[in-house]
C-alpha atoms as a PDB file:
ATOM      1  CA  UNK A   1      28.842  -9.636 -25.046  1.00  0.00           C
ATOM      2  CA  UNK A   2      26.503 -11.596 -22.773  1.00  0.00           C
ATOM      3  CA  UNK A   3      27.986 -14.498 -20.856  1.00  0.00           C
ATOM      4  CA  UNK A   4      26.162 -17.829 -20.952  1.00  0.00           C
ATOM      5  CA  UNK A   5      26.028 -19.422 -17.507  1.00  0.00           C
ATOM      6  CA  UNK A   6      24.619 -22.774 -16.482  1.00  0.00           C
ATOM      7  CA  UNK A   7      21.491 -22.925 -14.324  1.00  0.00           C
ATOM      8  CA  UNK A   8      23.588 -24.190 -11.401  1.00  0.00           C
ATOM      9  CA  UNK A   9      25.968 -21.238 -11.661  1.00  0.00           C
ATOM     10  CA  UNK A  10      23.119 -18.706 -12.005  1.00  0.00           C
ATOM     11  CA  UNK A  11      21.555 -20.155  -8.856  1.00  0.00           C
ATOM     12  CA  UNK A  12      24.847 -20.048  -6.985  1.00  0.00           C
ATOM     13  CA  UNK A  13      25.411 -16.427  -8.055  1.00  0.00           C
ATOM     14  CA  UNK A  14      21.775 -15.393  -7.298  1.00  0.00           C
ATOM     15  CA  UNK A  15      21.310 -13.868 -10.748  1.00  0.00           C
ATOM     16  CA  UNK A  16      18.675 -13.922 -13.494  1.00  0.00           C
ATOM     17  CA  UNK A  17      15.745 -16.119 -12.406  1.00  0.00           C
ATOM     18  CA  UNK A  18      17.391 -16.593  -8.982  1.00  0.00           C
ATOM     19  CA  UNK A  19      17.769 -12.885  -8.232  1.00  0.00           C
ATOM     20  CA  UNK A  20      16.363 -11.857  -4.847  1.00  0.00           C
ATOM     21  CA  UNK A  21      14.900  -8.397  -4.295  1.00  0.00           C
ATOM     22  CA  UNK A  22      14.267  -6.935  -0.873  1.00  0.00           C
ATOM     23  CA  UNK A  23      14.179  -3.609   0.932  1.00  0.00           C
ATOM     24  CA  UNK A  24      15.462  -2.006   4.102  1.00  0.00           C
ATOM     25  CA  UNK A  25      13.361  -0.409   6.802  1.00  0.00           C
ATOM     26  CA  UNK A  26      14.112   1.909   9.676  1.00  0.00           C
ATOM     27  CA  UNK A  27      11.917   3.344  12.405  1.00  0.00           C
ATOM     28  CA  UNK A  28      12.127   4.687  15.936  1.00  0.00           C
ATOM     29  CA  UNK A  29       9.957   4.313  18.993  1.00  0.00           C
ATOM     30  CA  UNK A  30       8.976   7.410  20.959  1.00  0.00           C
ATOM     31  CA  UNK A  31      11.472   8.374  23.670  1.00  0.00           C
ATOM     32  CA  UNK A  32      10.626   6.627  26.926  1.00  0.00           C
ATOM     33  CA  UNK A  33       8.933   3.605  25.322  1.00  0.00           C
ATOM     34  CA  UNK A  34       9.075   0.624  27.658  1.00  0.00           C
ATOM     35  CA  UNK A  35      10.937  -2.549  26.756  1.00  0.00           C
ATOM     36  CA  UNK A  36       7.611  -4.396  26.954  1.00  0.00           C
ATOM     37  CA  UNK A  37       6.017  -2.038  24.408  1.00  0.00           C
ATOM     38  CA  UNK A  38       8.975  -2.422  22.036  1.00  0.00           C
ATOM     39  CA  UNK A  39       8.913  -6.226  22.317  1.00  0.00           C
ATOM     40  CA  UNK A  40       5.147  -6.406  21.737  1.00  0.00           C
ATOM     41  CA  UNK A  41       5.340  -4.093  18.714  1.00  0.00           C
ATOM     42  CA  UNK A  42       8.200  -5.973  17.038  1.00  0.00           C
ATOM     43  CA  UNK A  43       6.499  -9.320  17.756  1.00  0.00           C
ATOM     44  CA  UNK A  44       3.278  -7.943  16.228  1.00  0.00           C
ATOM     45  CA  UNK A  45       5.187  -6.708  13.157  1.00  0.00           C
ATOM     46  CA  UNK A  46       6.472 -10.214  12.565  1.00  0.00           C
ATOM     47  CA  UNK A  47       3.145 -11.931  13.359  1.00  0.00           C
ATOM     48  CA  UNK A  48       0.895  -9.531  11.420  1.00  0.00           C
ATOM     49  CA  UNK A  49       2.941  -8.218   8.480  1.00  0.00           C
ATOM     50  CA  UNK A  50       6.040 -10.357   7.962  1.00  0.00           C
ATOM     51  CA  UNK A  51       5.082 -14.057   8.416  1.00  0.00           C
ATOM     52  CA  UNK A  52       1.590 -13.997   6.828  1.00  0.00           C
ATOM     53  CA  UNK A  53       3.048 -12.483   3.648  1.00  0.00           C
ATOM     54  CA  UNK A  54       5.925 -14.946   3.277  1.00  0.00           C
ATOM     55  CA  UNK A  55       8.502 -12.306   4.232  1.00  0.00           C
ATOM     56  CA  UNK A  56      11.594 -12.554   6.424  1.00  0.00           C
ATOM     57  CA  UNK A  57      12.955  -9.769   8.659  1.00  0.00           C
ATOM     58  CA  UNK A  58      16.550  -9.436   9.832  1.00  0.00           C
ATOM     59  CA  UNK A  59      16.945  -6.411  12.041  1.00  0.00           C
ATOM     60  CA  UNK A  60      17.834  -5.095  15.440  1.00  0.00           C
ATOM     61  CA  UNK A  61      17.574  -2.093  17.669  1.00  0.00           C
ATOM     62  CA  UNK A  62      16.104  -0.724  20.846  1.00  0.00           C
ATOM     63  CA  UNK A  63      14.452   2.664  20.391  1.00  0.00           C
ATOM     64  CA  UNK A  64      15.886   2.928  16.864  1.00  0.00           C
ATOM     65  CA  UNK A  65      15.422  -0.110  14.591  1.00  0.00           C
ATOM     66  CA  UNK A  66      16.925  -0.973  11.216  1.00  0.00           C
ATOM     67  CA  UNK A  67      16.541  -4.120   9.187  1.00  0.00           C
ATOM     68  CA  UNK A  68      16.300  -5.938   5.891  1.00  0.00           C
ATOM     69  CA  UNK A  69      13.136  -7.536   4.545  1.00  0.00           C
ATOM     70  CA  UNK A  70      13.155 -10.190   1.831  1.00  0.00           C
ATOM     71  CA  UNK A  71      11.101 -13.253   0.956  1.00  0.00           C
ATOM     72  CA  UNK A  72      11.397 -16.438   2.994  1.00  0.00           C
ATOM     73  CA  UNK A  73      11.843 -18.340  -0.287  1.00  0.00           C
ATOM     74  CA  UNK A  74      14.052 -17.367  -3.211  1.00  0.00           C
ATOM     75  CA  UNK A  75      12.206 -14.626  -5.056  1.00  0.00           C
ATOM     76  CA  UNK A  76      11.464 -10.965  -5.369  1.00  0.00           C
ATOM     77  CA  UNK A  77       9.631  -8.667  -2.992  1.00  0.00           C
ATOM     78  CA  UNK A  78       7.138  -6.370  -4.694  1.00  0.00           C
ATOM     79  CA  UNK A  79       5.988  -2.785  -4.302  1.00  0.00           C
ATOM     80  CA  UNK A  80       2.932  -4.206  -2.535  1.00  0.00           C
ATOM     81  CA  UNK A  81       5.196  -5.742   0.126  1.00  0.00           C
ATOM     82  CA  UNK A  82       6.902  -2.388   0.659  1.00  0.00           C
ATOM     83  CA  UNK A  83       3.613  -0.533   1.004  1.00  0.00           C
ATOM     84  CA  UNK A  84       2.146  -3.176   3.306  1.00  0.00           C
ATOM     85  CA  UNK A  85       5.079  -2.844   5.721  1.00  0.00           C
ATOM     86  CA  UNK A  86       5.102   0.969   5.460  1.00  0.00           C
ATOM     87  CA  UNK A  87       1.370   1.150   6.223  1.00  0.00           C
ATOM     88  CA  UNK A  88       1.736  -1.245   9.168  1.00  0.00           C
ATOM     89  CA  UNK A  89       4.500   0.930  10.674  1.00  0.00           C
ATOM     90  CA  UNK A  90       2.553   4.148  10.062  1.00  0.00           C
ATOM     91  CA  UNK A  91      -0.609   2.690  11.626  1.00  0.00           C
ATOM     92  CA  UNK A  92       1.396   2.027  14.827  1.00  0.00           C
ATOM     93  CA  UNK A  93       2.454   5.719  14.947  1.00  0.00           C
ATOM     94  CA  UNK A  94       6.172   4.894  14.898  1.00  0.00           C
ATOM     95  CA  UNK A  95       8.606   7.742  14.180  1.00  0.00           C
ATOM     96  CA  UNK A  96      11.142   8.374  11.395  1.00  0.00           C
ATOM     97  CA  UNK A  97       9.816   5.562   9.203  1.00  0.00           C
ATOM     98  CA  UNK A  98      12.076   4.783   6.254  1.00  0.00           C
ATOM     99  CA  UNK A  99      11.376   2.162   3.598  1.00  0.00           C
ATOM    100  CA  UNK A 100      13.912   1.950   0.782  1.00  0.00           C
ATOM    101  CA  UNK A 101      13.313   1.109  -2.848  1.00  0.00           C
ATOM    102  CA  UNK A 102      13.662  -2.541  -3.847  1.00  0.00           C
ATOM    103  CA  UNK A 103      17.237  -3.688  -4.366  1.00  0.00           C
ATOM    104  CA  UNK A 104      19.162  -6.888  -5.095  1.00  0.00           C
ATOM    105  CA  UNK A 105      19.921  -8.287  -1.632  1.00  0.00           C
ATOM    106  CA  UNK A 106      23.012 -10.156  -2.877  1.00  0.00           C
ATOM    107  CA  UNK A 107      24.615  -7.592  -5.167  1.00  0.00           C
ATOM    108  CA  UNK A 108      23.510  -4.077  -4.115  1.00  0.00           C
END
């Protein structure tokens, strides 16, 4: 039986119309990449692919990076967001690129 929840509770629980979908990424820089190259590439990722598309990136790394991408506002990332980020990473010739399927960032 379905449970009826108030709008306030659905928002607090991040469910139904307040569900947030995102995806994880992973990539590596070629061995021997300079710190300057890594910094410039990650800054460019944020400036060219993340911010202009209303996305947010939470990640870290040095030669090997992993992170979560979701929307800056409450909402759902789309397949287009995934492909945009994948293409951006591939165009920069980064290694071991991984882009997961969309998932619920609060419950999965």
